[in-house]
Amino acid sequence: LKTAQYARVQVNRHIHMQVTSELGKRGRSQIDELFKIRQGQTFSDWETLKHEPGKPSIKNLRKLISQLEWVKTWYVDLKALKNIPDSKLRHFAGEAKRLDASRMQSLEINKRYTLAMALIKMQMARRLDDLGDMIMKRIQHVHNKGKEALQEYREKHQAETDALIGKLRDILIAIRDNEPPK
Protein backbone atom coordinates (compact mmCIF):
# COMPACT_ATOMS: atom_id res chain seq x y z
CA LEU A 1 0.00 0.00 0.00
CA LYS A 2 2.79 2.42 0.88
CA THR A 3 4.55 1.61 -2.37
CA ALA A 4 1.40 2.40 -4.35
CA GLN A 5 0.91 5.68 -2.46
CA TYR A 6 4.55 6.61 -3.05
CA ALA A 7 4.22 5.83 -6.75
CA ARG A 8 1.03 7.91 -7.02
CA VAL A 9 2.70 10.85 -5.28
CA GLN A 10 5.69 10.61 -7.62
CA VAL A 11 3.48 10.45 -10.73
CA ASN A 12 1.44 13.44 -9.52
CA ARG A 13 4.60 15.45 -8.76
CA HIS A 14 5.89 14.71 -12.23
CA ILE A 15 2.59 15.88 -13.75
CA HIS A 16 2.62 19.01 -11.58
CA MET A 17 6.16 19.87 -12.68
CA GLN A 18 5.32 19.32 -16.36
CA VAL A 19 2.28 21.59 -16.19
CA THR A 20 4.14 24.33 -14.30
CA SER A 21 7.09 24.16 -16.67
CA GLU A 22 4.88 24.34 -19.74
CA LEU A 23 2.83 27.20 -18.31
CA GLY A 24 5.87 29.41 -18.23
CA LYS A 25 6.26 32.63 -16.29
CA ARG A 26 3.43 34.42 -18.12
CA GLY A 27 0.94 31.58 -17.59
CA ARG A 28 1.85 31.26 -13.92
CA SER A 29 1.43 35.00 -13.45
CA GLN A 30 -1.97 34.82 -15.15
CA ILE A 31 -3.14 32.04 -12.83
CA ASP A 32 -1.83 33.92 -9.79
CA GLU A 33 -4.21 36.75 -10.75
CA LEU A 34 -7.15 34.37 -10.24
CA PHE A 35 -6.51 34.27 -6.51
CA LYS A 36 -6.37 38.04 -5.96
CA ILE A 37 -9.33 40.11 -4.83
CA ARG A 38 -9.48 43.18 -7.02
CA GLN A 39 -10.62 46.55 -5.83
CA GLY A 40 -14.41 46.69 -5.75
CA GLN A 41 -14.78 42.90 -5.62
CA THR A 42 -15.85 40.94 -2.58
CA PHE A 43 -14.21 37.72 -3.70
CA SER A 44 -11.55 36.56 -6.13
CA ASP A 45 -12.02 35.42 -9.71
CA TRP A 46 -11.15 31.95 -8.40
CA GLU A 47 -14.52 31.80 -6.64
CA THR A 48 -16.25 32.97 -9.83
CA LEU A 49 -14.49 30.23 -11.82
CA LYS A 50 -15.73 27.57 -9.41
CA HIS A 51 -19.40 28.51 -9.89
CA GLU A 52 -21.43 26.22 -12.09
CA PRO A 53 -22.88 27.89 -15.17
CA GLY A 54 -26.51 27.19 -14.30
CA LYS A 55 -29.16 25.35 -16.24
CA PRO A 56 -28.47 25.30 -19.97
CA SER A 57 -31.47 27.04 -21.52
CA ILE A 58 -32.14 29.42 -24.36
CA LYS A 59 -32.90 32.07 -21.75
CA ASN A 60 -29.36 31.70 -20.38
CA LEU A 61 -27.64 31.60 -23.79
CA ARG A 62 -26.09 35.07 -23.61
CA LYS A 63 -24.99 34.49 -20.03
CA LEU A 64 -23.38 31.18 -20.95
CA ILE A 65 -21.55 32.70 -23.92
CA SER A 66 -20.31 35.49 -21.67
CA GLN A 67 -19.12 32.94 -19.09
CA LEU A 68 -17.38 30.91 -21.79
CA GLU A 69 -15.56 33.99 -23.07
CA TRP A 70 -14.50 34.86 -19.50
CA VAL A 71 -13.20 31.33 -18.80
CA LYS A 72 -11.30 31.41 -22.12
CA THR A 73 -9.33 34.40 -20.88
CA TRP A 74 -7.80 32.17 -18.20
CA TYR A 75 -7.30 29.09 -20.38
CA VAL A 76 -3.86 28.11 -21.64
CA ASP A 77 -3.79 25.16 -24.04
CA LEU A 78 -1.17 22.89 -22.55
CA LYS A 79 0.20 19.72 -24.07
CA ALA A 80 0.88 18.46 -20.54
CA LEU A 81 -2.85 18.56 -19.73
CA LYS A 82 -3.64 16.53 -22.84
CA ASN A 83 -1.40 13.74 -21.55
CA ILE A 84 -3.27 13.47 -18.25
CA PRO A 85 -5.98 10.78 -18.20
CA ASP A 86 -9.51 12.23 -17.95
CA SER A 87 -10.15 10.55 -14.61
CA LYS A 88 -7.06 12.15 -13.08
CA LEU A 89 -7.90 15.51 -14.65
CA ARG A 90 -11.41 15.34 -13.16
CA HIS A 91 -9.88 14.39 -9.80
CA PHE A 92 -7.53 17.40 -9.93
CA ALA A 93 -10.40 19.70 -10.94
CA GLY A 94 -12.60 18.33 -8.14
CA GLU A 95 -9.86 18.89 -5.61
CA ALA A 96 -9.36 22.44 -6.89
CA LYS A 97 -13.08 23.16 -6.71
CA ARG A 98 -13.16 22.25 -3.03
CA LEU A 99 -10.42 24.77 -2.16
CA ASP A 100 -10.88 28.50 -1.73
CA ALA A 101 -8.35 31.02 -3.02
CA SER A 102 -6.32 31.19 0.19
CA ARG A 103 -6.08 27.39 0.42
CA MET A 104 -5.02 27.24 -3.22
CA GLN A 105 -2.29 29.80 -2.56
CA SER A 106 -1.01 27.75 0.38
CA LEU A 107 -0.50 24.66 -1.82
CA GLU A 108 2.87 23.64 -3.17
CA ILE A 109 3.32 25.85 -6.24
CA ASN A 110 3.44 23.11 -8.90
CA LYS A 111 0.33 21.47 -7.50
CA ARG A 112 -1.48 24.82 -7.36
CA TYR A 113 -0.93 25.50 -11.05
CA THR A 114 -1.91 21.97 -12.05
CA LEU A 115 -5.12 22.03 -10.02
CA ALA A 116 -6.00 25.50 -11.32
CA MET A 117 -5.41 24.54 -14.95
CA ALA A 118 -7.40 21.31 -14.51
CA LEU A 119 -10.35 23.27 -13.13
CA ILE A 120 -10.11 25.89 -15.86
CA LYS A 121 -10.06 23.19 -18.53
CA MET A 122 -13.00 21.31 -16.99
CA GLN A 123 -15.07 24.48 -16.54
CA MET A 124 -14.41 25.48 -20.13
CA ALA A 125 -15.38 22.00 -21.32
CA ARG A 126 -18.54 22.15 -19.21
CA ARG A 127 -19.57 25.45 -20.70
CA LEU A 128 -18.84 24.25 -24.23
CA ASP A 129 -20.93 21.13 -23.58
CA ASP A 130 -23.77 23.25 -22.21
CA LEU A 131 -23.54 25.57 -25.20
CA GLY A 132 -23.67 22.56 -27.54
CA ASP A 133 -26.72 21.24 -25.65
CA MET A 134 -28.45 24.60 -25.96
CA ILE A 135 -27.73 24.80 -29.68
CA MET A 136 -29.06 21.27 -30.16
CA LYS A 137 -32.23 22.16 -28.21
CA ARG A 138 -32.67 25.26 -30.35
CA ILE A 139 -32.19 23.29 -33.58
CA GLN A 140 -34.67 20.67 -32.35
CA HIS A 141 -37.16 23.44 -31.54
CA VAL A 142 -36.77 24.98 -35.02
CA HIS A 143 -37.06 21.52 -36.60
CA ASN A 144 -40.28 20.78 -34.70
CA LYS A 145 -41.74 24.16 -35.65
CA GLY A 146 -40.86 23.44 -39.28
CA LYS A 147 -42.59 20.06 -39.14
CA GLU A 148 -45.68 21.69 -37.62
CA ALA A 149 -45.70 24.40 -40.29
CA LEU A 150 -45.35 21.81 -43.05
CA GLN A 151 -48.22 19.78 -41.62
CA GLU A 152 -50.39 22.91 -41.36
CA TYR A 153 -49.55 23.79 -44.99
CA ARG A 154 -50.42 20.30 -46.16
CA GLU A 155 -53.73 20.33 -44.29
CA LYS A 156 -54.59 23.81 -45.54
CA HIS A 157 -53.87 22.94 -49.17
CA GLN A 158 -55.05 19.31 -49.19
CA ALA A 159 -58.40 20.09 -50.85
CA GLU A 160 -56.68 22.17 -53.54
CA THR A 161 -54.15 19.39 -54.16
CA ASP A 162 -56.90 16.78 -54.36
CA ALA A 163 -58.83 18.95 -56.85
CA LEU A 164 -55.74 19.38 -59.04
CA ILE A 165 -55.07 15.64 -58.99
CA GLY A 166 -58.70 15.02 -59.93
CA LYS A 167 -58.47 17.44 -62.86
CA LEU A 168 -55.24 15.81 -64.02
CA ARG A 169 -56.95 12.40 -63.87
CA ASP A 170 -59.89 13.74 -65.88
CA ILE A 171 -57.54 15.21 -68.49
CA LEU A 172 -55.62 11.95 -68.81
CA ILE A 173 -58.86 9.98 -69.19
CA ALA A 174 -60.10 12.44 -71.83
CA ILE A 175 -56.84 12.18 -73.74
CA ARG A 176 -56.95 8.38 -73.58
CA ASP A 177 -60.57 8.25 -74.72
CA ASN A 178 -59.93 10.64 -77.62
CA GLU A 179 -56.86 8.84 -78.96
CA PRO A 180 -57.42 6.68 -82.02
CA PRO A 181 -56.63 3.00 -81.53
CA LYS A 182 -53.27 1.82 -82.79
C-alpha atoms as a PDB file:
ATOM      1  CA  LEU A   1       0.000   0.000   0.000  1.00  0.00           C
ATOM      2  CA  LYS A   2       2.790   2.418   0.884  1.00  0.00           C
ATOM      3  CA  THR A   3       4.555   1.612  -2.371  1.00  0.00           C
ATOM      4  CA  ALA A   4       1.395   2.404  -4.348  1.00  0.00           C
ATOM      5  CA  GLN A   5       0.905   5.679  -2.462  1.00  0.00           C
ATOM      6  CA  TYR A   6       4.546   6.613  -3.048  1.00  0.00           C
ATOM      7  CA  ALA A   7       4.217   5.831  -6.755  1.00  0.00           C
ATOM      8  CA  ARG A   8       1.034   7.909  -7.019  1.00  0.00           C
ATOM      9  CA  VAL A   9       2.703  10.851  -5.284  1.00  0.00           C
ATOM     10  CA  GLN A  10       5.685  10.611  -7.621  1.00  0.00           C
ATOM     11  CA  VAL A  11       3.477  10.452 -10.731  1.00  0.00           C
ATOM     12  CA  ASN A  12       1.438  13.436  -9.521  1.00  0.00           C
ATOM     13  CA  ARG A  13       4.600  15.449  -8.759  1.00  0.00           C
ATOM     14  CA  HIS A  14       5.891  14.706 -12.234  1.00  0.00           C
ATOM     15  CA  ILE A  15       2.592  15.878 -13.753  1.00  0.00           C
ATOM     16  CA  HIS A  16       2.621  19.014 -11.581  1.00  0.00           C
ATOM     17  CA  MET A  17       6.161  19.867 -12.676  1.00  0.00           C
ATOM     18  CA  GLN A  18       5.319  19.316 -16.359  1.00  0.00           C
ATOM     19  CA  VAL A  19       2.283  21.591 -16.193  1.00  0.00           C
ATOM     20  CA  THR A  20       4.138  24.326 -14.302  1.00  0.00           C
ATOM     21  CA  SER A  21       7.088  24.160 -16.668  1.00  0.00           C
ATOM     22  CA  GLU A  22       4.876  24.337 -19.744  1.00  0.00           C
ATOM     23  CA  LEU A  23       2.827  27.203 -18.308  1.00  0.00           C
ATOM     24  CA  GLY A  24       5.874  29.410 -18.234  1.00  0.00           C
ATOM     25  CA  LYS A  25       6.259  32.634 -16.292  1.00  0.00           C
ATOM     26  CA  ARG A  26       3.434  34.423 -18.121  1.00  0.00           C
ATOM     27  CA  GLY A  27       0.939  31.583 -17.591  1.00  0.00           C
ATOM     28  CA  ARG A  28       1.848  31.258 -13.916  1.00  0.00           C
ATOM     29  CA  SER A  29       1.430  34.996 -13.452  1.00  0.00           C
ATOM     30  CA  GLN A  30      -1.970  34.819 -15.155  1.00  0.00           C
ATOM     31  CA  ILE A  31      -3.141  32.039 -12.832  1.00  0.00           C
ATOM     32  CA  ASP A  32      -1.832  33.916  -9.787  1.00  0.00           C
ATOM     33  CA  GLU A  33      -4.208  36.749 -10.747  1.00  0.00           C
ATOM     34  CA  LEU A  34      -7.149  34.371 -10.244  1.00  0.00           C
ATOM     35  CA  PHE A  35      -6.509  34.269  -6.512  1.00  0.00           C
ATOM     36  CA  LYS A  36      -6.366  38.036  -5.959  1.00  0.00           C
ATOM     37  CA  ILE A  37      -9.327  40.106  -4.832  1.00  0.00           C
ATOM     38  CA  ARG A  38      -9.483  43.183  -7.015  1.00  0.00           C
ATOM     39  CA  GLN A  39     -10.625  46.552  -5.831  1.00  0.00           C
ATOM     40  CA  GLY A  40     -14.411  46.686  -5.748  1.00  0.00           C
ATOM     41  CA  GLN A  41     -14.776  42.899  -5.617  1.00  0.00           C
ATOM     42  CA  THR A  42     -15.853  40.938  -2.577  1.00  0.00           C
ATOM     43  CA  PHE A  43     -14.206  37.716  -3.702  1.00  0.00           C
ATOM     44  CA  SER A  44     -11.545  36.560  -6.134  1.00  0.00           C
ATOM     45  CA  ASP A  45     -12.019  35.416  -9.712  1.00  0.00           C
ATOM     46  CA  TRP A  46     -11.150  31.946  -8.401  1.00  0.00           C
ATOM     47  CA  GLU A  47     -14.515  31.805  -6.645  1.00  0.00           C
ATOM     48  CA  THR A  48     -16.253  32.968  -9.834  1.00  0.00           C
ATOM     49  CA  LEU A  49     -14.494  30.233 -11.816  1.00  0.00           C
ATOM     50  CA  LYS A  50     -15.730  27.569  -9.415  1.00  0.00           C
ATOM     51  CA  HIS A  51     -19.402  28.507  -9.894  1.00  0.00           C
ATOM     52  CA  GLU A  52     -21.432  26.221 -12.085  1.00  0.00           C
ATOM     53  CA  PRO A  53     -22.880  27.889 -15.169  1.00  0.00           C
ATOM     54  CA  GLY A  54     -26.510  27.188 -14.295  1.00  0.00           C
ATOM     55  CA  LYS A  55     -29.162  25.350 -16.244  1.00  0.00           C
ATOM     56  CA  PRO A  56     -28.475  25.296 -19.973  1.00  0.00           C
ATOM     57  CA  SER A  57     -31.469  27.041 -21.517  1.00  0.00           C
ATOM     58  CA  ILE A  58     -32.145  29.420 -24.359  1.00  0.00           C
ATOM     59  CA  LYS A  59     -32.899  32.069 -21.746  1.00  0.00           C
ATOM     60  CA  ASN A  60     -29.355  31.696 -20.380  1.00  0.00           C
ATOM     61  CA  LEU A  61     -27.635  31.596 -23.791  1.00  0.00           C
ATOM     62  CA  ARG A  62     -26.092  35.070 -23.609  1.00  0.00           C
ATOM     63  CA  LYS A  63     -24.993  34.489 -20.026  1.00  0.00           C
ATOM     64  CA  LEU A  64     -23.376  31.181 -20.955  1.00  0.00           C
ATOM     65  CA  ILE A  65     -21.550  32.700 -23.924  1.00  0.00           C
ATOM     66  CA  SER A  66     -20.309  35.486 -21.674  1.00  0.00           C
ATOM     67  CA  GLN A  67     -19.117  32.942 -19.086  1.00  0.00           C
ATOM     68  CA  LEU A  68     -17.375  30.914 -21.785  1.00  0.00           C
ATOM     69  CA  GLU A  69     -15.560  33.995 -23.068  1.00  0.00           C
ATOM     70  CA  TRP A  70     -14.503  34.856 -19.505  1.00  0.00           C
ATOM     71  CA  VAL A  71     -13.200  31.333 -18.796  1.00  0.00           C
ATOM     72  CA  LYS A  72     -11.305  31.406 -22.116  1.00  0.00           C
ATOM     73  CA  THR A  73      -9.327  34.405 -20.880  1.00  0.00           C
ATOM     74  CA  TRP A  74      -7.797  32.166 -18.201  1.00  0.00           C
ATOM     75  CA  TYR A  75      -7.298  29.088 -20.377  1.00  0.00           C
ATOM     76  CA  VAL A  76      -3.862  28.112 -21.642  1.00  0.00           C
ATOM     77  CA  ASP A  77      -3.791  25.158 -24.043  1.00  0.00           C
ATOM     78  CA  LEU A  78      -1.167  22.886 -22.550  1.00  0.00           C
ATOM     79  CA  LYS A  79       0.199  19.719 -24.069  1.00  0.00           C
ATOM     80  CA  ALA A  80       0.881  18.464 -20.539  1.00  0.00           C
ATOM     81  CA  LEU A  81      -2.849  18.560 -19.730  1.00  0.00           C
ATOM     82  CA  LYS A  82      -3.641  16.525 -22.837  1.00  0.00           C
ATOM     83  CA  ASN A  83      -1.396  13.739 -21.552  1.00  0.00           C
ATOM     84  CA  ILE A  84      -3.268  13.473 -18.251  1.00  0.00           C
ATOM     85  CA  PRO A  85      -5.982  10.780 -18.201  1.00  0.00           C
ATOM     86  CA  ASP A  86      -9.511  12.228 -17.945  1.00  0.00           C
ATOM     87  CA  SER A  87     -10.148  10.547 -14.608  1.00  0.00           C
ATOM     88  CA  LYS A  88      -7.062  12.153 -13.077  1.00  0.00           C
ATOM     89  CA  LEU A  89      -7.895  15.514 -14.649  1.00  0.00           C
ATOM     90  CA  ARG A  90     -11.407  15.339 -13.160  1.00  0.00           C
ATOM     91  CA  HIS A  91      -9.876  14.386  -9.803  1.00  0.00           C
ATOM     92  CA  PHE A  92      -7.533  17.402  -9.928  1.00  0.00           C
ATOM     93  CA  ALA A  93     -10.404  19.698 -10.943  1.00  0.00           C
ATOM     94  CA  GLY A  94     -12.604  18.331  -8.143  1.00  0.00           C
ATOM     95  CA  GLU A  95      -9.857  18.891  -5.614  1.00  0.00           C
ATOM     96  CA  ALA A  96      -9.361  22.443  -6.887  1.00  0.00           C
ATOM     97  CA  LYS A  97     -13.079  23.159  -6.712  1.00  0.00           C
ATOM     98  CA  ARG A  98     -13.163  22.255  -3.027  1.00  0.00           C
ATOM     99  CA  LEU A  99     -10.422  24.765  -2.162  1.00  0.00           C
ATOM    100  CA  ASP A 100     -10.879  28.495  -1.731  1.00  0.00           C
ATOM    101  CA  ALA A 101      -8.348  31.021  -3.025  1.00  0.00           C
ATOM    102  CA  SER A 102      -6.317  31.192   0.195  1.00  0.00           C
ATOM    103  CA  ARG A 103      -6.079  27.390   0.423  1.00  0.00           C
ATOM    104  CA  MET A 104      -5.019  27.240  -3.224  1.00  0.00           C
ATOM    105  CA  GLN A 105      -2.293  29.799  -2.561  1.00  0.00           C
ATOM    106  CA  SER A 106      -1.008  27.749   0.383  1.00  0.00           C
ATOM    107  CA  LEU A 107      -0.502  24.658  -1.820  1.00  0.00           C
ATOM    108  CA  GLU A 108       2.867  23.643  -3.168  1.00  0.00           C
ATOM    109  CA  ILE A 109       3.320  25.849  -6.235  1.00  0.00           C
ATOM    110  CA  ASN A 110       3.441  23.110  -8.905  1.00  0.00           C
ATOM    111  CA  LYS A 111       0.328  21.470  -7.500  1.00  0.00           C
ATOM    112  CA  ARG A 112      -1.476  24.824  -7.363  1.00  0.00           C
ATOM    113  CA  TYR A 113      -0.926  25.495 -11.055  1.00  0.00           C
ATOM    114  CA  THR A 114      -1.912  21.974 -12.052  1.00  0.00           C
ATOM    115  CA  LEU A 115      -5.125  22.026 -10.021  1.00  0.00           C
ATOM    116  CA  ALA A 116      -5.999  25.496 -11.320  1.00  0.00           C
ATOM    117  CA  MET A 117      -5.407  24.536 -14.950  1.00  0.00           C
ATOM    118  CA  ALA A 118      -7.397  21.313 -14.507  1.00  0.00           C
ATOM    119  CA  LEU A 119     -10.354  23.265 -13.133  1.00  0.00           C
ATOM    120  CA  ILE A 120     -10.112  25.895 -15.861  1.00  0.00           C
ATOM    121  CA  LYS A 121     -10.057  23.188 -18.533  1.00  0.00           C
ATOM    122  CA  MET A 122     -12.997  21.314 -16.992  1.00  0.00           C
ATOM    123  CA  GLN A 123     -15.068  24.483 -16.537  1.00  0.00           C
ATOM    124  CA  MET A 124     -14.413  25.475 -20.131  1.00  0.00           C
ATOM    125  CA  ALA A 125     -15.379  22.001 -21.323  1.00  0.00           C
ATOM    126  CA  ARG A 126     -18.536  22.151 -19.210  1.00  0.00           C
ATOM    127  CA  ARG A 127     -19.569  25.454 -20.695  1.00  0.00           C
ATOM    128  CA  LEU A 128     -18.836  24.249 -24.232  1.00  0.00           C
ATOM    129  CA  ASP A 129     -20.928  21.133 -23.577  1.00  0.00           C
ATOM    130  CA  ASP A 130     -23.770  23.253 -22.209  1.00  0.00           C
ATOM    131  CA  LEU A 131     -23.545  25.569 -25.201  1.00  0.00           C
ATOM    132  CA  GLY A 132     -23.674  22.555 -27.537  1.00  0.00           C
ATOM    133  CA  ASP A 133     -26.723  21.237 -25.653  1.00  0.00           C
ATOM    134  CA  MET A 134     -28.447  24.597 -25.955  1.00  0.00           C
ATOM    135  CA  ILE A 135     -27.734  24.803 -29.679  1.00  0.00           C
ATOM    136  CA  MET A 136     -29.064  21.272 -30.160  1.00  0.00           C
ATOM    137  CA  LYS A 137     -32.226  22.164 -28.212  1.00  0.00           C
ATOM    138  CA  ARG A 138     -32.674  25.263 -30.354  1.00  0.00           C
ATOM    139  CA  ILE A 139     -32.193  23.293 -33.579  1.00  0.00           C
ATOM    140  CA  GLN A 140     -34.668  20.669 -32.353  1.00  0.00           C
ATOM    141  CA  HIS A 141     -37.163  23.437 -31.541  1.00  0.00           C
ATOM    142  CA  VAL A 142     -36.775  24.978 -35.021  1.00  0.00           C
ATOM    143  CA  HIS A 143     -37.063  21.520 -36.599  1.00  0.00           C
ATOM    144  CA  ASN A 144     -40.279  20.781 -34.696  1.00  0.00           C
ATOM    145  CA  LYS A 145     -41.743  24.163 -35.650  1.00  0.00           C
ATOM    146  CA  GLY A 146     -40.865  23.444 -39.284  1.00  0.00           C
ATOM    147  CA  LYS A 147     -42.595  20.059 -39.138  1.00  0.00           C
ATOM    148  CA  GLU A 148     -45.677  21.688 -37.621  1.00  0.00           C
ATOM    149  CA  ALA A 149     -45.697  24.405 -40.287  1.00  0.00           C
ATOM    150  CA  LEU A 150     -45.352  21.814 -43.050  1.00  0.00           C
ATOM    151  CA  GLN A 151     -48.219  19.779 -41.617  1.00  0.00           C
ATOM    152  CA  GLU A 152     -50.389  22.912 -41.364  1.00  0.00           C
ATOM    153  CA  TYR A 153     -49.552  23.791 -44.987  1.00  0.00           C
ATOM    154  CA  ARG A 154     -50.417  20.295 -46.161  1.00  0.00           C
ATOM    155  CA  GLU A 155     -53.729  20.327 -44.289  1.00  0.00           C
ATOM    156  CA  LYS A 156     -54.586  23.808 -45.536  1.00  0.00           C
ATOM    157  CA  HIS A 157     -53.871  22.937 -49.172  1.00  0.00           C
ATOM    158  CA  GLN A 158     -55.051  19.313 -49.190  1.00  0.00           C
ATOM    159  CA  ALA A 159     -58.398  20.091 -50.846  1.00  0.00           C
ATOM    160  CA  GLU A 160     -56.683  22.167 -53.542  1.00  0.00           C
ATOM    161  CA  THR A 161     -54.150  19.388 -54.156  1.00  0.00           C
ATOM    162  CA  ASP A 162     -56.904  16.775 -54.363  1.00  0.00           C
ATOM    163  CA  ALA A 163     -58.825  18.955 -56.846  1.00  0.00           C
ATOM    164  CA  LEU A 164     -55.735  19.378 -59.038  1.00  0.00           C
ATOM    165  CA  ILE A 165     -55.068  15.637 -58.986  1.00  0.00           C
ATOM    166  CA  GLY A 166     -58.701  15.022 -59.926  1.00  0.00           C
ATOM    167  CA  LYS A 167     -58.469  17.437 -62.859  1.00  0.00           C
ATOM    168  CA  LEU A 168     -55.243  15.807 -64.016  1.00  0.00           C
ATOM    169  CA  ARG A 169     -56.950  12.396 -63.872  1.00  0.00           C
ATOM    170  CA  ASP A 170     -59.895  13.744 -65.881  1.00  0.00           C
ATOM    171  CA  ILE A 171     -57.537  15.214 -68.494  1.00  0.00           C
ATOM    172  CA  LEU A 172     -55.620  11.948 -68.807  1.00  0.00           C
ATOM    173  CA  ILE A 173     -58.865   9.977 -69.194  1.00  0.00           C
ATOM    174  CA  ALA A 174     -60.100  12.442 -71.826  1.00  0.00           C
ATOM    175  CA  ILE A 175     -56.840  12.185 -73.744  1.00  0.00           C
ATOM    176  CA  ARG A 176     -56.951   8.385 -73.580  1.00  0.00           C
ATOM    177  CA  ASP A 177     -60.565   8.250 -74.715  1.00  0.00           C
ATOM    178  CA  ASN A 178     -59.926  10.642 -77.618  1.00  0.00           C
ATOM    179  CA  GLU A 179     -56.861   8.839 -78.962  1.00  0.00           C
ATOM    180  CA  PRO A 180     -57.423   6.678 -82.016  1.00  0.00           C
ATOM    181  CA  PRO A 181     -56.632   2.997 -81.528  1.00  0.00           C
ATOM    182  CA  LYS A 182     -53.274   1.820 -82.791  1.00  0.00           C
END
